Amino acid sequence: MADFSGRVVILTGAAGGFGQAAARCFADAGARLVLSDLHRAPLEALAAGLKGDVRTVAGDISEPDLSERLVETALAEFGRLDVAVNNAGIVHDMAPLPKTPVDVARRIIDIDLMGVFYAMRAQLPALEKRFRDTGEAGAIVNVASVAGVVGAPMLSVYSAAKHGVVGLTRSAALEYARRGVRVNALCPSFARTPMATDFLDKAGTNRDQAEAALVQAIPMRRLAEVGEVIAGLVFLADPASSFVTGQTLQIDGGLSAA
């Protein structure tokens, strides 16, 4: 297991499927955590079950001030920031592009793309300053999607937002390659999370049939398990992965290899 003893990790979307698993993994590895999600109650319930030092900041990632408050909390409470995992995101119902409502499209872009922009805008200066002051490098992991590296029919706006996250990731990685900050994107396909199961429940057929149809494009013919995705996330965040930056790590059962 990677060792995050004493390191401070910001994690957004902490109350979701990936978020909860990541929070537990980082806490078990010794990290001190600043957790965020939209609603306070599930966030605090998660924090109460974690070992070690945890702070929570509820809010909407599409509002720029939340990202600033998260960094301020890390610095004020723990005196440092080492890792930021930008995991908060939503998906829209499957629909042809012309049938995707404008307000839904804007909300997807605001959360899935602009939320990551606001987060990195606040995180990068703090991580760079720590590197200048101490020589200790930091890391940002943006949770994108395999839909950010391939097309996703019927999920056009979600795919566009995640392509944007990949673009932000690669650009920031180049900007900060000599400034002590690694920036990478995690690109999973559908995993067995509440977001995925809710998505399948809305598919208009029973869940087994919907899942079978969904995995037809995946060479392994199954959904990812949450632990498989979190293993990739931890790898990208791990200080031992010190020469890995600007990458998209596809955990997708071979989907993007086709």
C-alpha atoms as a PDB file:
ATOM      1  CA  MET A   1       0.000   0.000   0.000  1.00  0.00           C
ATOM      2  CA  ALA A   2       1.187   3.543  -0.743  1.00  0.00           C
ATOM      3  CA  ASP A   3       2.248   5.568   2.286  1.00  0.00           C
ATOM      4  CA  PHE A   4       0.599   8.967   2.695  1.00  0.00           C
ATOM      5  CA  SER A   5       1.583   9.454   6.327  1.00  0.00           C
ATOM      6  CA  GLY A   6       1.453  13.137   7.232  1.00  0.00           C
ATOM      7  CA  ARG A   7       0.377  14.206   3.771  1.00  0.00           C
ATOM      8  CA  VAL A   8      -2.634  16.424   3.271  1.00  0.00           C
ATOM      9  CA  VAL A   9      -5.165  15.453   0.607  1.00  0.00           C
ATOM     10  CA  ILE A  10      -8.100  17.465  -0.736  1.00  0.00           C
ATOM     11  CA  LEU A  11     -10.844  15.242  -2.152  1.00  0.00           C
ATOM     12  CA  THR A  12     -13.984  16.547  -3.849  1.00  0.00           C
ATOM     13  CA  GLY A  13     -17.069  14.454  -4.527  1.00  0.00           C
ATOM     14  CA  ALA A  14     -16.157  12.605  -1.348  1.00  0.00           C
ATOM     15  CA  ALA A  15     -19.628  11.255  -0.583  1.00  0.00           C
ATOM     16  CA  GLY A  16     -19.971   9.425  -3.931  1.00  0.00           C
ATOM     17  CA  GLY A  17     -18.911   5.910  -4.811  1.00  0.00           C
ATOM     18  CA  PHE A  18     -15.337   6.687  -5.860  1.00  0.00           C
ATOM     19  CA  GLY A  19     -15.068   9.444  -3.276  1.00  0.00           C
ATOM     20  CA  GLN A  20     -15.930   7.310  -0.272  1.00  0.00           C
ATOM     21  CA  ALA A  21     -13.566   4.547  -1.349  1.00  0.00           C
ATOM     22  CA  ALA A  22     -10.762   7.030  -2.011  1.00  0.00           C
ATOM     23  CA  ALA A  23     -11.289   8.764   1.326  1.00  0.00           C
ATOM     24  CA  ARG A  24     -11.039   5.461   3.200  1.00  0.00           C
ATOM     25  CA  CYS A  25      -7.962   4.441   1.250  1.00  0.00           C
ATOM     26  CA  PHE A  26      -6.132   7.704   1.895  1.00  0.00           C
ATOM     27  CA  ALA A  27      -7.130   7.740   5.560  1.00  0.00           C
ATOM     28  CA  ASP A  28      -5.942   4.144   6.033  1.00  0.00           C
ATOM     29  CA  ALA A  29      -2.642   5.149   4.398  1.00  0.00           C
ATOM     30  CA  GLY A  30      -2.095   7.904   6.964  1.00  0.00           C
ATOM     31  CA  ALA A  31      -3.257  10.999   5.083  1.00  0.00           C
ATOM     32  CA  ARG A  32      -4.932  13.998   6.658  1.00  0.00           C
ATOM     33  CA  LEU A  33      -8.031  14.847   4.663  1.00  0.00           C
ATOM     34  CA  VAL A  34     -10.057  17.844   3.559  1.00  0.00           C
ATOM     35  CA  LEU A  35     -13.264  16.400   2.133  1.00  0.00           C
ATOM     36  CA  SER A  36     -15.933  18.144   0.104  1.00  0.00           C
ATOM     37  CA  ASP A  37     -19.302  17.311  -1.372  1.00  0.00           C
ATOM     38  CA  LEU A  38     -22.532  19.132  -2.139  1.00  0.00           C
ATOM     39  CA  HIS A  39     -24.481  18.080   0.965  1.00  0.00           C
ATOM     40  CA  ARG A  40     -23.156  18.300   4.514  1.00  0.00           C
ATOM     41  CA  ALA A  41     -24.911  15.314   6.146  1.00  0.00           C
ATOM     42  CA  PRO A  42     -23.407  12.458   4.063  1.00  0.00           C
ATOM     43  CA  LEU A  43     -20.043  14.213   4.122  1.00  0.00           C
ATOM     44  CA  GLU A  44     -19.972  14.362   7.906  1.00  0.00           C
ATOM     45  CA  ALA A  45     -21.223  10.779   8.187  1.00  0.00           C
ATOM     46  CA  LEU A  46     -18.303   9.669   6.030  1.00  0.00           C
ATOM     47  CA  ALA A  47     -15.796  11.711   8.028  1.00  0.00           C
ATOM     48  CA  ALA A  48     -17.042  10.240  11.300  1.00  0.00           C
ATOM     49  CA  GLY A  49     -16.101   6.749  10.137  1.00  0.00           C
ATOM     50  CA  LEU A  50     -12.563   7.577   9.027  1.00  0.00           C
ATOM     51  CA  LYS A  51      -9.381   7.299  11.029  1.00  0.00           C
ATOM     52  CA  GLY A  52      -7.047  10.238  11.460  1.00  0.00           C
ATOM     53  CA  ASP A  53      -7.555  13.974  10.984  1.00  0.00           C
ATOM     54  CA  VAL A  54     -10.431  14.948   8.701  1.00  0.00           C
ATOM     55  CA  ARG A  55     -12.009  18.291   7.896  1.00  0.00           C
ATOM     56  CA  THR A  56     -15.149  18.782   5.819  1.00  0.00           C
ATOM     57  CA  VAL A  57     -16.292  21.678   3.642  1.00  0.00           C
ATOM     58  CA  ALA A  58     -19.688  21.274   1.992  1.00  0.00           C
ATOM     59  CA  GLY A  59     -20.540  23.228  -1.134  1.00  0.00           C
ATOM     60  CA  ASP A  60     -21.104  23.338  -4.881  1.00  0.00           C
ATOM     61  CA  ILE A  61     -17.949  22.703  -6.922  1.00  0.00           C
ATOM     62  CA  SER A  62     -19.367  24.880  -9.713  1.00  0.00           C
ATOM     63  CA  GLU A  63     -18.879  27.901  -7.416  1.00  0.00           C
ATOM     64  CA  PRO A  64     -15.259  29.159  -7.557  1.00  0.00           C
ATOM     65  CA  ASP A  65     -15.133  30.107  -3.880  1.00  0.00           C
ATOM     66  CA  LEU A  66     -15.551  26.484  -2.747  1.00  0.00           C
ATOM     67  CA  SER A  67     -12.216  25.496  -4.268  1.00  0.00           C
ATOM     68  CA  GLU A  68     -10.565  28.487  -2.631  1.00  0.00           C
ATOM     69  CA  ARG A  69     -12.069  27.541   0.747  1.00  0.00           C
ATOM     70  CA  LEU A  70     -10.805  23.976   0.417  1.00  0.00           C
ATOM     71  CA  VAL A  71      -7.228  25.123  -0.124  1.00  0.00           C
ATOM     72  CA  GLU A  72      -7.549  27.684   2.672  1.00  0.00           C
ATOM     73  CA  THR A  73      -8.824  24.964   5.009  1.00  0.00           C
ATOM     74  CA  ALA A  74      -5.925  22.639   4.181  1.00  0.00           C
ATOM     75  CA  LEU A  75      -3.373  25.382   4.830  1.00  0.00           C
ATOM     76  CA  ALA A  76      -5.059  26.773   7.949  1.00  0.00           C
ATOM     77  CA  GLU A  77      -5.803  23.417   9.590  1.00  0.00           C
ATOM     78  CA  PHE A  78      -2.795  21.359   8.492  1.00  0.00           C
ATOM     79  CA  GLY A  79      -0.257  23.893   7.235  1.00  0.00           C
ATOM     80  CA  ARG A  80       0.284  22.228   3.872  1.00  0.00           C
ATOM     81  CA  LEU A  81      -1.239  20.676   0.773  1.00  0.00           C
ATOM     82  CA  ASP A  82       0.285  17.647  -0.946  1.00  0.00           C
ATOM     83  CA  VAL A  83      -2.388  16.021  -3.113  1.00  0.00           C
ATOM     84  CA  ALA A  84      -5.658  17.179  -4.662  1.00  0.00           C
ATOM     85  CA  VAL A  85      -8.145  14.719  -6.116  1.00  0.00           C
ATOM     86  CA  ASN A  86     -10.772  16.484  -8.209  1.00  0.00           C
ATOM     87  CA  ASN A  87     -13.447  13.829  -8.275  1.00  0.00           C
ATOM     88  CA  ALA A  88     -16.770  15.709  -8.131  1.00  0.00           C
ATOM     89  CA  GLY A  89     -18.912  15.145 -11.195  1.00  0.00           C
ATOM     90  CA  ILE A  90     -22.332  14.279 -12.577  1.00  0.00           C
ATOM     91  CA  VAL A  91     -23.681  12.612 -15.698  1.00  0.00           C
ATOM     92  CA  HIS A  92     -26.777  13.405 -17.751  1.00  0.00           C
ATOM     93  CA  ASP A  93     -29.419  10.972 -18.992  1.00  0.00           C
ATOM     94  CA  MET A  94     -28.698   9.305 -22.312  1.00  0.00           C
ATOM     95  CA  ALA A  95     -30.120  11.313 -25.207  1.00  0.00           C
ATOM     96  CA  PRO A  96     -29.143  12.376 -28.735  1.00  0.00           C
ATOM     97  CA  LEU A  97     -27.290  15.676 -28.743  1.00  0.00           C
ATOM     98  CA  PRO A  98     -30.256  17.715 -30.101  1.00  0.00           C
ATOM     99  CA  LYS A  99     -32.469  16.279 -27.352  1.00  0.00           C
ATOM    100  CA  THR A 100     -30.131  17.244 -24.504  1.00  0.00           C
ATOM    101  CA  PRO A 101     -31.726  20.200 -22.663  1.00  0.00           C
ATOM    102  CA  VAL A 102     -29.680  23.393 -22.624  1.00  0.00           C
ATOM    103  CA  ASP A 103     -29.946  23.800 -18.852  1.00  0.00           C
ATOM    104  CA  VAL A 104     -28.706  20.227 -18.349  1.00  0.00           C
ATOM    105  CA  ALA A 105     -25.781  20.826 -20.703  1.00  0.00           C
ATOM    106  CA  ARG A 106     -24.789  23.969 -18.847  1.00  0.00           C
ATOM    107  CA  ARG A 107     -24.945  22.211 -15.481  1.00  0.00           C
ATOM    108  CA  ILE A 108     -22.743  19.375 -16.754  1.00  0.00           C
ATOM    109  CA  ILE A 109     -20.146  21.833 -18.052  1.00  0.00           C
ATOM    110  CA  ASP A 110     -20.308  23.922 -14.872  1.00  0.00           C
ATOM    111  CA  ILE A 111     -19.657  20.935 -12.592  1.00  0.00           C
ATOM    112  CA  ASP A 112     -17.620  18.490 -14.635  1.00  0.00           C
ATOM    113  CA  LEU A 113     -15.369  20.953 -16.464  1.00  0.00           C
ATOM    114  CA  MET A 114     -15.471  24.362 -14.791  1.00  0.00           C
ATOM    115  CA  GLY A 115     -15.412  22.699 -11.368  1.00  0.00           C
ATOM    116  CA  VAL A 116     -12.054  21.134 -12.241  1.00  0.00           C
ATOM    117  CA  PHE A 117     -10.787  24.443 -13.641  1.00  0.00           C
ATOM    118  CA  TYR A 118     -11.754  26.290 -10.445  1.00  0.00           C
ATOM    119  CA  ALA A 119     -10.165  23.562  -8.344  1.00  0.00           C
ATOM    120  CA  MET A 120      -6.826  23.584 -10.164  1.00  0.00           C
ATOM    121  CA  ARG A 121      -6.822  27.385 -10.256  1.00  0.00           C
ATOM    122  CA  ALA A 122      -6.835  27.353  -6.445  1.00  0.00           C
ATOM    123  CA  GLN A 123      -4.632  24.287  -5.928  1.00  0.00           C
ATOM    124  CA  LEU A 124      -1.722  24.891  -8.311  1.00  0.00           C
ATOM    125  CA  PRO A 125      -0.331  28.044  -6.639  1.00  0.00           C
ATOM    126  CA  ALA A 126      -0.411  26.386  -3.200  1.00  0.00           C
ATOM    127  CA  LEU A 127       1.312  23.249  -4.459  1.00  0.00           C
ATOM    128  CA  GLU A 128       3.904  25.264  -6.358  1.00  0.00           C
ATOM    129  CA  LYS A 129       4.661  27.411  -3.286  1.00  0.00           C
ATOM    130  CA  ARG A 130       5.185  24.328  -1.160  1.00  0.00           C
ATOM    131  CA  PHE A 131       7.651  23.009  -3.732  1.00  0.00           C
ATOM    132  CA  ARG A 132       9.525  26.314  -3.780  1.00  0.00           C
ATOM    133  CA  ASP A 133       9.649  26.467   0.019  1.00  0.00           C
ATOM    134  CA  THR A 134      10.460  22.833   0.805  1.00  0.00           C
ATOM    135  CA  GLY A 135      11.412  21.034  -2.408  1.00  0.00           C
ATOM    136  CA  GLU A 136       8.515  18.592  -1.857  1.00  0.00           C
ATOM    137  CA  ALA A 137       6.523  17.920  -5.015  1.00  0.00           C
ATOM    138  CA  GLY A 138       2.743  17.601  -5.056  1.00  0.00           C
ATOM    139  CA  ALA A 139       0.168  15.926  -7.247  1.00  0.00           C
ATOM    140  CA  ILE A 140      -3.240  16.591  -8.739  1.00  0.00           C
ATOM    141  CA  VAL A 141      -5.457  13.765  -9.957  1.00  0.00           C
ATOM    142  CA  ASN A 142      -8.461  14.781 -12.032  1.00  0.00           C
ATOM    143  CA  VAL A 143     -11.134  12.114 -12.282  1.00  0.00           C
ATOM    144  CA  ALA A 144     -12.222  12.311 -15.906  1.00  0.00           C
ATOM    145  CA  SER A 145     -13.691   9.333 -17.793  1.00  0.00           C
ATOM    146  CA  VAL A 146     -12.976   7.074 -20.707  1.00  0.00           C
ATOM    147  CA  ALA A 147     -15.586   9.338 -22.331  1.00  0.00           C
ATOM    148  CA  GLY A 148     -12.855  11.987 -22.160  1.00  0.00           C
ATOM    149  CA  VAL A 149     -10.618  10.075 -24.575  1.00  0.00           C
ATOM    150  CA  VAL A 150     -13.176   8.446 -26.878  1.00  0.00           C
ATOM    151  CA  GLY A 151     -16.590   9.484 -28.163  1.00  0.00           C
ATOM    152  CA  ALA A 152     -19.654   8.639 -26.096  1.00  0.00           C
ATOM    153  CA  PRO A 153     -22.825   8.474 -28.193  1.00  0.00           C
ATOM    154  CA  MET A 154     -25.914   9.682 -26.314  1.00  0.00           C
ATOM    155  CA  LEU A 155     -23.666  11.288 -23.670  1.00  0.00           C
ATOM    156  CA  SER A 156     -22.316  14.087 -25.827  1.00  0.00           C
ATOM    157  CA  VAL A 157     -22.102  16.906 -23.295  1.00  0.00           C
ATOM    158  CA  TYR A 158     -20.679  14.670 -20.565  1.00  0.00           C
ATOM    159  CA  SER A 159     -18.069  13.466 -23.057  1.00  0.00           C
ATOM    160  CA  ALA A 160     -17.270  17.039 -24.090  1.00  0.00           C
ATOM    161  CA  ALA A 161     -16.787  18.069 -20.463  1.00  0.00           C
ATOM    162  CA  LYS A 162     -14.511  15.115 -19.755  1.00  0.00           C
ATOM    163  CA  HIS A 163     -12.494  15.790 -22.928  1.00  0.00           C
ATOM    164  CA  GLY A 164     -12.069  19.275 -21.494  1.00  0.00           C
ATOM    165  CA  VAL A 165     -10.794  17.851 -18.215  1.00  0.00           C
ATOM    166  CA  VAL A 166      -8.192  15.843 -20.135  1.00  0.00           C
ATOM    167  CA  GLY A 167      -7.152  19.011 -21.978  1.00  0.00           C
ATOM    168  CA  LEU A 168      -6.824  20.954 -18.725  1.00  0.00           C
ATOM    169  CA  THR A 169      -4.816  18.095 -17.238  1.00  0.00           C
ATOM    170  CA  ARG A 170      -2.319  17.857 -20.078  1.00  0.00           C
ATOM    171  CA  SER A 171      -1.893  21.620 -20.336  1.00  0.00           C
ATOM    172  CA  ALA A 172      -1.362  22.108 -16.596  1.00  0.00           C
ATOM    173  CA  ALA A 173       1.060  19.169 -16.508  1.00  0.00           C
ATOM    174  CA  LEU A 174       3.228  20.911 -19.100  1.00  0.00           C
ATOM    175  CA  GLU A 175       3.003  24.255 -17.314  1.00  0.00           C
ATOM    176  CA  TYR A 176       4.037  22.764 -13.955  1.00  0.00           C
ATOM    177  CA  ALA A 177       6.413  19.966 -14.966  1.00  0.00           C
ATOM    178  CA  ARG A 178       9.396  21.923 -13.603  1.00  0.00           C
ATOM    179  CA  ARG A 179       7.446  23.620 -10.836  1.00  0.00           C
ATOM    180  CA  GLY A 180       6.901  20.656  -8.557  1.00  0.00           C
ATOM    181  CA  VAL A 181       3.361  19.605  -9.445  1.00  0.00           C
ATOM    182  CA  ARG A 182       2.383  16.443 -11.277  1.00  0.00           C
ATOM    183  CA  VAL A 183      -1.045  16.532 -12.955  1.00  0.00           C
ATOM    184  CA  ASN A 184      -2.729  13.399 -14.293  1.00  0.00           C
ATOM    185  CA  ALA A 185      -6.217  12.257 -15.248  1.00  0.00           C
ATOM    186  CA  LEU A 186      -7.935   9.051 -14.218  1.00  0.00           C
ATOM    187  CA  CYS A 187     -10.258   7.819 -16.982  1.00  0.00           C
ATOM    188  CA  PRO A 188     -12.459   4.935 -15.860  1.00  0.00           C
ATOM    189  CA  SER A 189     -15.312   3.420 -17.785  1.00  0.00           C
ATOM    190  CA  PHE A 190     -18.544   2.711 -15.918  1.00  0.00           C
ATOM    191  CA  ALA A 191     -17.859   1.183 -12.502  1.00  0.00           C
ATOM    192  CA  ARG A 192     -20.204  -0.333  -9.964  1.00  0.00           C
ATOM    193  CA  THR A 193     -20.990   2.917  -8.140  1.00  0.00           C
ATOM    194  CA  PRO A 194     -24.338   4.432  -7.093  1.00  0.00           C
ATOM    195  CA  MET A 195     -24.080   6.879 -10.015  1.00  0.00           C
ATOM    196  CA  ALA A 196     -23.757   3.981 -12.450  1.00  0.00           C
ATOM    197  CA  THR A 197     -26.568   1.950 -10.903  1.00  0.00           C
ATOM    198  CA  ASP A 198     -28.860   5.005 -10.899  1.00  0.00           C
ATOM    199  CA  PHE A 199     -27.948   5.510 -14.548  1.00  0.00           C
ATOM    200  CA  LEU A 200     -28.860   1.897 -15.339  1.00  0.00           C
ATOM    201  CA  ASP A 201     -32.144   2.193 -13.450  1.00  0.00           C
ATOM    202  CA  LYS A 202     -33.160   5.046 -15.773  1.00  0.00           C
ATOM    203  CA  ALA A 203     -32.407   3.085 -18.928  1.00  0.00           C
ATOM    204  CA  GLY A 204     -36.018   2.077 -19.508  1.00  0.00           C
ATOM    205  CA  THR A 205     -35.488  -1.677 -19.084  1.00  0.00           C
ATOM    206  CA  ASN A 206     -34.501  -3.930 -16.195  1.00  0.00           C
ATOM    207  CA  ARG A 207     -31.077  -3.398 -14.681  1.00  0.00           C
ATOM    208  CA  ASP A 208     -29.561  -6.697 -15.855  1.00  0.00           C
ATOM    209  CA  GLN A 209     -30.543  -6.001 -19.459  1.00  0.00           C
ATOM    210  CA  ALA A 210     -29.312  -2.420 -19.229  1.00  0.00           C
ATOM    211  CA  GLU A 211     -25.975  -3.530 -17.781  1.00  0.00           C
ATOM    212  CA  ALA A 212     -25.557  -6.221 -20.429  1.00  0.00           C
ATOM    213  CA  ALA A 213     -26.130  -3.607 -23.148  1.00  0.00           C
ATOM    214  CA  LEU A 214     -23.760  -1.151 -21.502  1.00  0.00           C
ATOM    215  CA  VAL A 215     -20.829  -3.570 -21.288  1.00  0.00           C
ATOM    216  CA  GLN A 216     -21.092  -4.730 -24.904  1.00  0.00           C
ATOM    217  CA  ALA A 217     -18.498  -2.120 -25.868  1.00  0.00           C
ATOM    218  CA  ILE A 218     -16.095  -3.260 -23.135  1.00  0.00           C
ATOM    219  CA  PRO A 219     -13.782  -6.116 -24.219  1.00  0.00           C
ATOM    220  CA  MET A 220     -13.849  -7.588 -20.697  1.00  0.00           C
ATOM    221  CA  ARG A 221     -17.680  -7.516 -20.828  1.00  0.00           C
ATOM    222  CA  ARG A 222     -18.153  -6.227 -17.294  1.00  0.00           C
ATOM    223  CA  LEU A 223     -18.257  -3.060 -15.222  1.00  0.00           C
ATOM    224  CA  ALA A 224     -15.185  -2.016 -13.259  1.00  0.00           C
ATOM    225  CA  GLU A 225     -15.183  -2.621  -9.534  1.00  0.00           C
ATOM    226  CA  VAL A 226     -14.609   0.474  -7.406  1.00  0.00           C
ATOM    227  CA  GLY A 227     -11.425  -0.939  -5.902  1.00  0.00           C
ATOM    228  CA  GLU A 228      -9.898  -1.402  -9.349  1.00  0.00           C
ATOM    229  CA  VAL A 229     -10.408   2.265 -10.114  1.00  0.00           C
ATOM    230  CA  ILE A 230      -9.157   3.469  -6.729  1.00  0.00           C
ATOM    231  CA  ALA A 231      -5.950   1.472  -7.205  1.00  0.00           C
ATOM    232  CA  GLY A 232      -5.247   3.586 -10.288  1.00  0.00           C
ATOM    233  CA  LEU A 233      -6.116   6.798  -8.468  1.00  0.00           C
ATOM    234  CA  VAL A 234      -3.707   5.987  -5.641  1.00  0.00           C
ATOM    235  CA  PHE A 235      -0.972   5.143  -8.135  1.00  0.00           C
ATOM    236  CA  LEU A 236      -1.286   8.587  -9.731  1.00  0.00           C
ATOM    237  CA  ALA A 237      -1.335  10.351  -6.349  1.00  0.00           C
ATOM    238  CA  ASP A 238       1.525   8.328  -4.851  1.00  0.00           C
ATOM    239  CA  PRO A 239       4.780  10.331  -4.427  1.00  0.00           C
ATOM    240  CA  ALA A 240       6.572   7.205  -5.667  1.00  0.00           C
ATOM    241  CA  SER A 241       5.043   7.855  -9.121  1.00  0.00           C
ATOM    242  CA  SER A 242       7.326  10.868  -9.356  1.00  0.00           C
ATOM    243  CA  PHE A 243       7.989  10.686 -13.140  1.00  0.00           C
ATOM    244  CA  VAL A 244       4.339  10.318 -14.132  1.00  0.00           C
ATOM    245  CA  THR A 245       2.662  13.521 -15.303  1.00  0.00           C
ATOM    246  CA  GLY A 246       0.364  14.622 -18.115  1.00  0.00           C
ATOM    247  CA  GLN A 247      -1.072  11.120 -18.459  1.00  0.00           C
ATOM    248  CA  THR A 248      -4.564   9.711 -18.879  1.00  0.00           C
ATOM    249  CA  LEU A 249      -4.835   6.388 -17.071  1.00  0.00           C
ATOM    250  CA  GLN A 250      -7.679   4.472 -18.708  1.00  0.00           C
ATOM    251  CA  ILE A 251      -9.190   1.850 -16.410  1.00  0.00           C
ATOM    252  CA  ASP A 252     -11.747   0.616 -18.879  1.00  0.00           C
ATOM    253  CA  GLY A 253     -11.493  -3.097 -19.498  1.00  0.00           C
ATOM    254  CA  GLY A 254      -9.838  -2.446 -22.861  1.00  0.00           C
ATOM    255  CA  LEU A 255     -12.552  -0.159 -24.257  1.00  0.00           C
ATOM    256  CA  SER A 256     -10.184   2.594 -25.434  1.00  0.00           C
ATOM    257  CA  ALA A 257      -7.788   0.072 -27.052  1.00  0.00           C
ATOM    258  CA  ALA A 258     -10.225  -0.702 -29.859  1.00  0.00           C
END
